[in-house]
All heavy atoms as atom14 arrays in JSON, in Angstrom:
{
  "sequence": "VVATDGRRLSADVLVGHISQGAAPGKPDAPHPAAASADASGKLER",
  "atom14_mask": [
    [1, 1, 1, 1, 1, 1, 1, 0, 0, 0, 0, 0, 0, 0],
    [1, 1, 1, 1, 1, 1, 1, 0, 0, 0, 0, 0, 0, 0],
    [1, 1, 1, 1, 1, 0, 0, 0, 0, 0, 0, 0, 0, 0],
    [1, 1, 1, 1, 1, 1, 1, 0, 0, 0, 0, 0, 0, 0],
    [1, 1, 1, 1, 1, 1, 1, 1, 0, 0, 0, 0, 0, 0],
    [1, 1, 1, 1, 0, 0, 0, 0, 0, 0, 0, 0, 0, 0],
    [1, 1, 1, 1, 1, 1, 1, 1, 1, 1, 1, 0, 0, 0],
    [1, 1, 1, 1, 1, 1, 1, 1, 1, 1, 1, 0, 0, 0],
    [1, 1, 1, 1, 1, 1, 1, 1, 0, 0, 0, 0, 0, 0],
    [1, 1, 1, 1, 1, 1, 0, 0, 0, 0, 0, 0, 0, 0],
    [1, 1, 1, 1, 1, 0, 0, 0, 0, 0, 0, 0, 0, 0],
    [1, 1, 1, 1, 1, 1, 1, 1, 0, 0, 0, 0, 0, 0],
    [1, 1, 1, 1, 1, 1, 1, 0, 0, 0, 0, 0, 0, 0],
    [1, 1, 1, 1, 1, 1, 1, 1, 0, 0, 0, 0, 0, 0],
    [1, 1, 1, 1, 1, 1, 1, 0, 0, 0, 0, 0, 0, 0],
    [1, 1, 1, 1, 0, 0, 0, 0, 0, 0, 0, 0, 0, 0],
    [1, 1, 1, 1, 1, 1, 1, 1, 1, 1, 0, 0, 0, 0],
    [1, 1, 1, 1, 1, 1, 1, 1, 0, 0, 0, 0, 0, 0],
    [1, 1, 1, 1, 1, 1, 0, 0, 0, 0, 0, 0, 0, 0],
    [1, 1, 1, 1, 1, 1, 1, 1, 1, 0, 0, 0, 0, 0],
    [1, 1, 1, 1, 0, 0, 0, 0, 0, 0, 0, 0, 0, 0],
    [1, 1, 1, 1, 1, 0, 0, 0, 0, 0, 0, 0, 0, 0],
    [1, 1, 1, 1, 1, 0, 0, 0, 0, 0, 0, 0, 0, 0],
    [1, 1, 1, 1, 1, 1, 1, 0, 0, 0, 0, 0, 0, 0],
    [1, 1, 1, 1, 0, 0, 0, 0, 0, 0, 0, 0, 0, 0],
    [1, 1, 1, 1, 1, 1, 1, 1, 1, 0, 0, 0, 0, 0],
    [1, 1, 1, 1, 1, 1, 1, 0, 0, 0, 0, 0, 0, 0],
    [1, 1, 1, 1, 1, 1, 1, 1, 0, 0, 0, 0, 0, 0],
    [1, 1, 1, 1, 1, 0, 0, 0, 0, 0, 0, 0, 0, 0],
    [1, 1, 1, 1, 1, 1, 1, 0, 0, 0, 0, 0, 0, 0],
    [1, 1, 1, 1, 1, 1, 1, 1, 1, 1, 0, 0, 0, 0],
    [1, 1, 1, 1, 1, 1, 1, 0, 0, 0, 0, 0, 0, 0],
    [1, 1, 1, 1, 1, 0, 0, 0, 0, 0, 0, 0, 0, 0],
    [1, 1, 1, 1, 1, 0, 0, 0, 0, 0, 0, 0, 0, 0],
    [1, 1, 1, 1, 1, 0, 0, 0, 0, 0, 0, 0, 0, 0],
    [1, 1, 1, 1, 1, 1, 0, 0, 0, 0, 0, 0, 0, 0],
    [1, 1, 1, 1, 1, 0, 0, 0, 0, 0, 0, 0, 0, 0],
    [1, 1, 1, 1, 1, 1, 1, 1, 0, 0, 0, 0, 0, 0],
    [1, 1, 1, 1, 1, 0, 0, 0, 0, 0, 0, 0, 0, 0],
    [1, 1, 1, 1, 1, 1, 0, 0, 0, 0, 0, 0, 0, 0],
    [1, 1, 1, 1, 0, 0, 0, 0, 0, 0, 0, 0, 0, 0],
    [1, 1, 1, 1, 1, 1, 1, 1, 1, 0, 0, 0, 0, 0],
    [1, 1, 1, 1, 1, 1, 1, 1, 0, 0, 0, 0, 0, 0],
    [1, 1, 1, 1, 1, 1, 1, 1, 1, 0, 0, 0, 0, 0],
    [1, 1, 1, 1, 1, 1, 1, 1, 1, 1, 1, 0, 0, 0]
  ],
  "atom14_positions": [
    [[2.51, -8.44, 8.12], [2.29, -9.83, 8.29], [1.95, -10.16, 9.68], [2.71, -9.87, 10.52], [3.55, -10.62, 7.74], [3.3, -12.12, 7.91], [3.79, -10.37, 6.3], [0.0, 0.0, 0.0], [0.0, 0.0, 0.0], [0.0, 0.0, 0.0], [0.0, 0.0, 0.0], [0.0, 0.0, 0.0], [0.0, 0.0, 0.0], [0.0, 0.0, 0.0]],
    [[0.83, -10.86, 9.76], [0.34, -11.2, 11.07], [0.04, -12.7, 11.13], [-0.62, -13.23, 10.28], [-0.94, -10.45, 11.5], [-1.41, -10.94, 12.98], [-0.7, -8.95, 11.43], [0.0, 0.0, 0.0], [0.0, 0.0, 0.0], [0.0, 0.0, 0.0], [0.0, 0.0, 0.0], [0.0, 0.0, 0.0], [0.0, 0.0, 0.0], [0.0, 0.0, 0.0]],
    [[0.65, -13.38, 12.09], [0.48, -14.88, 12.27], [-0.78, -15.07, 13.12], [-1.21, -14.22, 13.82], [1.61, -15.53, 12.94], [0.0, 0.0, 0.0], [0.0, 0.0, 0.0], [0.0, 0.0, 0.0], [0.0, 0.0, 0.0], [0.0, 0.0, 0.0], [0.0, 0.0, 0.0], [0.0, 0.0, 0.0], [0.0, 0.0, 0.0], [0.0, 0.0, 0.0]],
    [[-1.37, -16.28, 12.98], [-2.56, -16.66, 13.69], [-2.28, -16.6, 15.19], [-3.21, -16.41, 15.98], [-3.06, -18.02, 13.28], [-2.06, -18.95, 13.48], [-3.62, -18.05, 11.91], [0.0, 0.0, 0.0], [0.0, 0.0, 0.0], [0.0, 0.0, 0.0], [0.0, 0.0, 0.0], [0.0, 0.0, 0.0], [0.0, 0.0, 0.0], [0.0, 0.0, 0.0]],
    [[-1.01, -16.8, 15.64], [-0.64, -16.7, 17.02], [-0.25, -15.34, 17.49], [0.21, -15.08, 18.7], [0.45, -17.66, 17.42], [1.78, -17.36, 16.71], [1.87, -16.33, 16.01], [2.67, -18.13, 16.89], [0.0, 0.0, 0.0], [0.0, 0.0, 0.0], [0.0, 0.0, 0.0], [0.0, 0.0, 0.0], [0.0, 0.0, 0.0], [0.0, 0.0, 0.0]],
    [[-0.41, -14.28, 16.65], [-0.21, -12.93, 17.09], [1.19, -12.47, 16.68], [1.44, -11.12, 16.9], [0.0, 0.0, 0.0], [0.0, 0.0, 0.0], [0.0, 0.0, 0.0], [0.0, 0.0, 0.0], [0.0, 0.0, 0.0], [0.0, 0.0, 0.0], [0.0, 0.0, 0.0], [0.0, 0.0, 0.0], [0.0, 0.0, 0.0], [0.0, 0.0, 0.0]],
    [[2.05, -13.24, 16.16], [3.35, -12.61, 15.75], [3.17, -11.59, 14.7], [2.4, -11.88, 13.81], [4.35, -13.71, 15.41], [4.75, -14.63, 16.48], [5.69, -15.72, 15.89], [4.93, -16.88, 15.57], [5.27, -17.98, 15.01], [6.6, -18.02, 14.69], [4.46, -19.01, 14.71], [0.0, 0.0, 0.0], [0.0, 0.0, 0.0], [0.0, 0.0, 0.0]],
    [[3.97, -10.49, 14.74], [3.74, -9.38, 13.71], [5.07, -8.97, 13.2], [6.08, -8.74, 13.94], [2.99, -8.23, 14.34], [1.71, -8.57, 15.05], [1.22, -7.35, 15.92], [1.0, -6.17, 15.09], [-0.18, -5.81, 14.46], [-1.2, -6.55, 14.64], [-0.19, -4.69, 13.76], [0.0, 0.0, 0.0], [0.0, 0.0, 0.0], [0.0, 0.0, 0.0]],
    [[5.12, -8.63, 11.89], [6.27, -8.0, 11.22], [5.71, -7.0, 10.35], [4.76, -7.21, 9.47], [7.07, -9.15, 10.38], [8.04, -8.56, 9.45], [9.19, -7.9, 10.37], [8.66, -9.64, 8.61], [0.0, 0.0, 0.0], [0.0, 0.0, 0.0], [0.0, 0.0, 0.0], [0.0, 0.0, 0.0], [0.0, 0.0, 0.0], [0.0, 0.0, 0.0]],
    [[6.18, -5.67, 10.47], [5.66, -4.69, 9.52], [6.86, -3.92, 8.97], [7.94, -3.88, 9.63], [4.72, -3.7, 10.23], [5.44, -3.1, 11.35], [0.0, 0.0, 0.0], [0.0, 0.0, 0.0], [0.0, 0.0, 0.0], [0.0, 0.0, 0.0], [0.0, 0.0, 0.0], [0.0, 0.0, 0.0], [0.0, 0.0, 0.0], [0.0, 0.0, 0.0]],
    [[6.57, -3.2, 7.81], [7.73, -2.43, 7.23], [7.05, -1.64, 6.11], [5.88, -1.78, 5.75], [8.78, -3.28, 6.66], [0.0, 0.0, 0.0], [0.0, 0.0, 0.0], [0.0, 0.0, 0.0], [0.0, 0.0, 0.0], [0.0, 0.0, 0.0], [0.0, 0.0, 0.0], [0.0, 0.0, 0.0], [0.0, 0.0, 0.0], [0.0, 0.0, 0.0]],
    [[7.88, -0.7, 5.58], [7.35, 0.0, 4.33], [7.13, -0.92, 3.19], [6.1, -0.78, 2.51], [8.39, 1.1, 3.98], [8.58, 2.22, 4.92], [7.69, 2.41, 5.85], [9.69, 2.83, 4.98], [0.0, 0.0, 0.0], [0.0, 0.0, 0.0], [0.0, 0.0, 0.0], [0.0, 0.0, 0.0], [0.0, 0.0, 0.0], [0.0, 0.0, 0.0]],
    [[7.98, -1.88, 3.02], [7.84, -2.94, 1.92], [8.1, -4.24, 2.51], [9.16, -4.37, 3.21], [8.83, -2.68, 0.73], [8.73, -3.76, -0.26], [8.56, -1.32, 0.19], [0.0, 0.0, 0.0], [0.0, 0.0, 0.0], [0.0, 0.0, 0.0], [0.0, 0.0, 0.0], [0.0, 0.0, 0.0], [0.0, 0.0, 0.0], [0.0, 0.0, 0.0]],
    [[7.2, -5.22, 2.28], [7.42, -6.62, 2.69], [7.37, -7.44, 1.49], [6.56, -7.3, 0.62], [6.3, -7.06, 3.69], [6.37, -6.51, 5.08], [5.18, -7.0, 5.83], [7.73, -6.85, 5.77], [0.0, 0.0, 0.0], [0.0, 0.0, 0.0], [0.0, 0.0, 0.0], [0.0, 0.0, 0.0], [0.0, 0.0, 0.0], [0.0, 0.0, 0.0]],
    [[8.36, -8.46, 1.36], [8.41, -9.38, 0.3], [8.23, -10.74, 0.9], [9.13, -11.19, 1.55], [9.73, -9.26, -0.62], [9.71, -10.41, -1.62], [9.86, -7.82, -1.05], [0.0, 0.0, 0.0], [0.0, 0.0, 0.0], [0.0, 0.0, 0.0], [0.0, 0.0, 0.0], [0.0, 0.0, 0.0], [0.0, 0.0, 0.0], [0.0, 0.0, 0.0]],
    [[7.14, -11.41, 0.56], [6.89, -12.77, 1.11], [7.19, -13.72, 0.03], [6.66, -13.66, -1.07], [0.0, 0.0, 0.0], [0.0, 0.0, 0.0], [0.0, 0.0, 0.0], [0.0, 0.0, 0.0], [0.0, 0.0, 0.0], [0.0, 0.0, 0.0], [0.0, 0.0, 0.0], [0.0, 0.0, 0.0], [0.0, 0.0, 0.0], [0.0, 0.0, 0.0]],
    [[7.99, -14.7, 0.39], [8.32, -15.89, -0.51], [7.6, -17.06, -0.1], [7.59, -17.49, 1.01], [9.84, -16.18, -0.45], [10.68, -15.01, -0.88], [11.03, -14.71, -2.18], [11.26, -13.98, -0.2], [11.73, -13.67, -2.26], [11.81, -13.19, -1.1], [0.0, 0.0, 0.0], [0.0, 0.0, 0.0], [0.0, 0.0, 0.0], [0.0, 0.0, 0.0]],
    [[6.78, -17.64, -1.07], [5.86, -18.73, -0.84], [6.38, -20.02, -1.42], [6.96, -19.98, -2.52], [4.51, -18.37, -1.38], [3.99, -17.01, -0.69], [3.49, -19.35, -1.11], [2.81, -16.37, -1.41], [0.0, 0.0, 0.0], [0.0, 0.0, 0.0], [0.0, 0.0, 0.0], [0.0, 0.0, 0.0], [0.0, 0.0, 0.0], [0.0, 0.0, 0.0]],
    [[6.22, -21.12, -0.76], [6.67, -22.35, -1.24], [6.12, -22.65, -2.56], [5.05, -22.2, -2.86], [6.51, -23.53, -0.19], [5.1, -23.76, -0.09], [0.0, 0.0, 0.0], [0.0, 0.0, 0.0], [0.0, 0.0, 0.0], [0.0, 0.0, 0.0], [0.0, 0.0, 0.0], [0.0, 0.0, 0.0], [0.0, 0.0, 0.0], [0.0, 0.0, 0.0]],
    [[6.74, -23.53, -3.33], [6.33, -23.84, -4.66], [5.28, -24.8, -4.69], [4.9, -25.31, -5.79], [7.48, -24.25, -5.47], [8.5, -23.13, -5.71], [9.54, -23.57, -6.76], [9.49, -24.48, -7.47], [10.61, -22.69, -6.72], [0.0, 0.0, 0.0], [0.0, 0.0, 0.0], [0.0, 0.0, 0.0], [0.0, 0.0, 0.0], [0.0, 0.0, 0.0]],
    [[4.69, -25.15, -3.63], [3.42, -26.06, -3.56], [2.23, -25.52, -4.2], [1.37, -26.2, -4.47], [0.0, 0.0, 0.0], [0.0, 0.0, 0.0], [0.0, 0.0, 0.0], [0.0, 0.0, 0.0], [0.0, 0.0, 0.0], [0.0, 0.0, 0.0], [0.0, 0.0, 0.0], [0.0, 0.0, 0.0], [0.0, 0.0, 0.0], [0.0, 0.0, 0.0]],
    [[2.24, -24.12, -4.42], [0.97, -23.52, -4.87], [0.8, -24.05, -6.39], [1.78, -24.09, -7.16], [1.07, -22.0, -4.73], [0.0, 0.0, 0.0], [0.0, 0.0, 0.0], [0.0, 0.0, 0.0], [0.0, 0.0, 0.0], [0.0, 0.0, 0.0], [0.0, 0.0, 0.0], [0.0, 0.0, 0.0], [0.0, 0.0, 0.0], [0.0, 0.0, 0.0]],
    [[-0.37, -24.25, -6.75], [-0.68, -24.8, -8.13], [-0.45, -23.66, -9.11], [-1.18, -22.59, -8.98], [-2.14, -25.36, -8.22], [0.0, 0.0, 0.0], [0.0, 0.0, 0.0], [0.0, 0.0, 0.0], [0.0, 0.0, 0.0], [0.0, 0.0, 0.0], [0.0, 0.0, 0.0], [0.0, 0.0, 0.0], [0.0, 0.0, 0.0], [0.0, 0.0, 0.0]],
    [[0.38, -23.86, -10.14], [0.47, -22.8, -11.25], [-0.77, -22.74, -12.08], [-1.48, -23.66, -12.33], [1.73, -23.18, -12.02], [1.75, -24.65, -11.76], [1.19, -24.94, -10.35], [0.0, 0.0, 0.0], [0.0, 0.0, 0.0], [0.0, 0.0, 0.0], [0.0, 0.0, 0.0], [0.0, 0.0, 0.0], [0.0, 0.0, 0.0], [0.0, 0.0, 0.0]],
    [[-0.98, -21.57, -12.51], [-2.23, -21.31, -13.4], [-3.5, -21.29, -12.71], [-4.55, -21.35, -13.3], [0.0, 0.0, 0.0], [0.0, 0.0, 0.0], [0.0, 0.0, 0.0], [0.0, 0.0, 0.0], [0.0, 0.0, 0.0], [0.0, 0.0, 0.0], [0.0, 0.0, 0.0], [0.0, 0.0, 0.0], [0.0, 0.0, 0.0], [0.0, 0.0, 0.0]],
    [[-3.48, -21.21, -11.3], [-4.78, -21.1, -10.65], [-5.46, -19.78, -10.9], [-4.78, -18.81, -10.96], [-4.43, -21.19, -9.03], [-5.61, -21.34, -8.24], [-5.22, -21.63, -6.82], [-6.53, -21.76, -6.01], [-6.28, -22.08, -4.65], [0.0, 0.0, 0.0], [0.0, 0.0, 0.0], [0.0, 0.0, 0.0], [0.0, 0.0, 0.0], [0.0, 0.0, 0.0]],
    [[-6.81, -19.86, -11.09], [-7.53, -18.55, -11.41], [-7.25, -17.53, -10.4], [-7.03, -17.81, -9.19], [-9.0, -19.08, -11.45], [-8.89, -20.51, -11.55], [-7.63, -20.94, -10.99], [0.0, 0.0, 0.0], [0.0, 0.0, 0.0], [0.0, 0.0, 0.0], [0.0, 0.0, 0.0], [0.0, 0.0, 0.0], [0.0, 0.0, 0.0], [0.0, 0.0, 0.0]],
    [[-7.32, -16.29, -10.81], [-7.21, -15.18, -9.82], [-8.3, -15.19, -8.83], [-9.34, -15.76, -8.98], [-7.25, -13.87, -10.62], [-5.99, -13.69, -11.42], [-4.96, -14.3, -11.19], [-6.1, -12.98, -12.45], [0.0, 0.0, 0.0], [0.0, 0.0, 0.0], [0.0, 0.0, 0.0], [0.0, 0.0, 0.0], [0.0, 0.0, 0.0], [0.0, 0.0, 0.0]],
    [[-8.02, -14.57, -7.73], [-9.08, -14.48, -6.61], [-10.35, -13.57, -7.14], [-10.07, -12.77, -8.04], [-8.52, -13.75, -5.41], [0.0, 0.0, 0.0], [0.0, 0.0, 0.0], [0.0, 0.0, 0.0], [0.0, 0.0, 0.0], [0.0, 0.0, 0.0], [0.0, 0.0, 0.0], [0.0, 0.0, 0.0], [0.0, 0.0, 0.0], [0.0, 0.0, 0.0]],
    [[-11.44, -13.9, -6.69], [-12.64, -13.18, -7.16], [-12.69, -11.65, -6.97], [-13.27, -10.96, -7.71], [-13.8, -13.88, -6.36], [-13.18, -14.51, -5.21], [-11.73, -14.82, -5.59], [0.0, 0.0, 0.0], [0.0, 0.0, 0.0], [0.0, 0.0, 0.0], [0.0, 0.0, 0.0], [0.0, 0.0, 0.0], [0.0, 0.0, 0.0], [0.0, 0.0, 0.0]],
    [[-12.01, -11.19, -6.03], [-11.95, -9.76, -5.81], [-10.54, -9.23, -5.98], [-9.58, -9.88, -5.46], [-12.47, -9.44, -4.41], [-12.57, -7.94, -4.13], [-11.47, -7.18, -3.72], [-13.68, -7.18, -4.08], [-12.0, -5.96, -3.61], [-13.22, -5.91, -3.84], [0.0, 0.0, 0.0], [0.0, 0.0, 0.0], [0.0, 0.0, 0.0], [0.0, 0.0, 0.0]],
    [[-10.28, -8.17, -6.77], [-8.95, -7.79, -6.99], [-8.19, -7.39, -5.76], [-7.0, -7.39, -5.85], [-9.1, -6.57, -7.98], [-10.59, -6.13, -7.96], [-11.29, -7.41, -7.36], [0.0, 0.0, 0.0], [0.0, 0.0, 0.0], [0.0, 0.0, 0.0], [0.0, 0.0, 0.0], [0.0, 0.0, 0.0], [0.0, 0.0, 0.0], [0.0, 0.0, 0.0]],
    [[-8.86, -6.97, -4.74], [-8.09, -6.63, -3.54], [-7.81, -7.73, -2.64], [-7.28, -7.52, -1.49], [-8.92, -5.47, -2.84], [0.0, 0.0, 0.0], [0.0, 0.0, 0.0], [0.0, 0.0, 0.0], [0.0, 0.0, 0.0], [0.0, 0.0, 0.0], [0.0, 0.0, 0.0], [0.0, 0.0, 0.0], [0.0, 0.0, 0.0], [0.0, 0.0, 0.0]],
    [[-8.33, -8.95, -2.96], [-8.07, -10.02, -2.12], [-7.48, -11.17, -2.87], [-7.79, -11.5, -3.99], [-9.31, -10.53, -1.4], [0.0, 0.0, 0.0], [0.0, 0.0, 0.0], [0.0, 0.0, 0.0], [0.0, 0.0, 0.0], [0.0, 0.0, 0.0], [0.0, 0.0, 0.0], [0.0, 0.0, 0.0], [0.0, 0.0, 0.0], [0.0, 0.0, 0.0]],
    [[-6.5, -11.94, -2.27], [-5.91, -13.1, -2.93], [-5.75, -14.13, -1.87], [-5.62, -13.78, -0.68], [-4.58, -12.73, -3.62], [0.0, 0.0, 0.0], [0.0, 0.0, 0.0], [0.0, 0.0, 0.0], [0.0, 0.0, 0.0], [0.0, 0.0, 0.0], [0.0, 0.0, 0.0], [0.0, 0.0, 0.0], [0.0, 0.0, 0.0], [0.0, 0.0, 0.0]],
    [[-5.51, -15.37, -2.26], [-5.32, -16.35, -1.26], [-4.19, -17.38, -1.73], [-4.2, -17.69, -2.98], [-6.68, -17.24, -1.1], [-6.43, -18.33, -0.24], [0.0, 0.0, 0.0], [0.0, 0.0, 0.0], [0.0, 0.0, 0.0], [0.0, 0.0, 0.0], [0.0, 0.0, 0.0], [0.0, 0.0, 0.0], [0.0, 0.0, 0.0], [0.0, 0.0, 0.0]],
    [[-3.2, -17.55, -0.86], [-2.31, -18.58, -1.19], [-2.87, -20.02, -1.15], [-3.53, -20.28, -0.23], [-1.0, -18.32, -0.26], [0.0, 0.0, 0.0], [0.0, 0.0, 0.0], [0.0, 0.0, 0.0], [0.0, 0.0, 0.0], [0.0, 0.0, 0.0], [0.0, 0.0, 0.0], [0.0, 0.0, 0.0], [0.0, 0.0, 0.0], [0.0, 0.0, 0.0]],
    [[-2.5, -20.76, -2.11], [-2.96, -22.19, -2.12], [-2.53, -22.81, -0.69], [-1.52, -22.6, -0.21], [-2.29, -22.91, -3.3], [-2.87, -24.28, -3.4], [-2.59, -25.11, -2.56], [-3.58, -24.55, -4.43], [0.0, 0.0, 0.0], [0.0, 0.0, 0.0], [0.0, 0.0, 0.0], [0.0, 0.0, 0.0], [0.0, 0.0, 0.0], [0.0, 0.0, 0.0]],
    [[-3.42, -23.77, -0.33], [-3.14, -24.35, 1.03], [-1.86, -25.19, 1.05], [-1.23, -25.32, 2.12], [-4.33, -25.27, 1.5], [0.0, 0.0, 0.0], [0.0, 0.0, 0.0], [0.0, 0.0, 0.0], [0.0, 0.0, 0.0], [0.0, 0.0, 0.0], [0.0, 0.0, 0.0], [0.0, 0.0, 0.0], [0.0, 0.0, 0.0], [0.0, 0.0, 0.0]],
    [[-1.46, -25.6, -0.17], [-0.22, -26.34, -0.18], [1.03, -25.44, -0.21], [2.16, -25.88, -0.03], [-0.18, -27.33, -1.35], [-0.29, -26.66, -2.6], [0.0, 0.0, 0.0], [0.0, 0.0, 0.0], [0.0, 0.0, 0.0], [0.0, 0.0, 0.0], [0.0, 0.0, 0.0], [0.0, 0.0, 0.0], [0.0, 0.0, 0.0], [0.0, 0.0, 0.0]],
    [[0.84, -24.24, -0.66], [1.94, -23.24, -0.61], [1.99, -22.53, 0.73], [0.97, -22.09, 1.2], [0.0, 0.0, 0.0], [0.0, 0.0, 0.0], [0.0, 0.0, 0.0], [0.0, 0.0, 0.0], [0.0, 0.0, 0.0], [0.0, 0.0, 0.0], [0.0, 0.0, 0.0], [0.0, 0.0, 0.0], [0.0, 0.0, 0.0], [0.0, 0.0, 0.0]],
    [[3.14, -22.4, 1.3], [3.2, -21.67, 2.67], [4.29, -20.66, 2.6], [5.2, -20.72, 1.8], [3.48, -22.71, 3.75], [4.78, -23.27, 3.76], [4.94, -24.26, 4.98], [6.39, -24.77, 5.02], [6.62, -25.47, 6.23], [0.0, 0.0, 0.0], [0.0, 0.0, 0.0], [0.0, 0.0, 0.0], [0.0, 0.0, 0.0], [0.0, 0.0, 0.0]],
    [[4.18, -19.7, 3.54], [5.05, -18.6, 3.65], [6.43, -19.12, 4.11], [6.52, -19.72, 5.17], [4.49, -17.58, 4.59], [5.25, -16.21, 4.57], [5.13, -15.52, 3.35], [4.57, -15.37, 5.63], [0.0, 0.0, 0.0], [0.0, 0.0, 0.0], [0.0, 0.0, 0.0], [0.0, 0.0, 0.0], [0.0, 0.0, 0.0], [0.0, 0.0, 0.0]],
    [[7.43, -19.11, 3.34], [8.81, -19.63, 3.71], [9.68, -18.5, 4.24], [10.5, -18.78, 5.21], [9.49, -20.11, 2.46], [8.97, -21.4, 1.99], [9.72, -22.03, 0.81], [10.38, -21.19, 0.0], [9.67, -23.16, 0.57], [0.0, 0.0, 0.0], [0.0, 0.0, 0.0], [0.0, 0.0, 0.0], [0.0, 0.0, 0.0], [0.0, 0.0, 0.0]],
    [[9.54, -17.2, 3.82], [10.5, -16.26, 4.22], [9.82, -14.92, 4.04], [9.1, -14.76, 2.98], [11.79, -16.43, 3.55], [12.87, -15.4, 3.99], [14.23, -15.6, 3.26], [14.18, -14.92, 1.98], [14.29, -15.69, 0.79], [14.48, -16.93, 0.79], [14.3, -14.93, -0.39], [0.0, 0.0, 0.0], [0.0, 0.0, 0.0], [0.0, 0.0, 0.0]]
  ]
}
């Protein structure tokens, strides 16, 4: 996980918890290897 200001956290496994602001039922990302968190959902932990 890399922040826009350069902060970095790496590990064998990372679990990102995203705020519930993301809209449920949003269509999948156009490419299977890329996804985008909704702008209203943010990384909490």
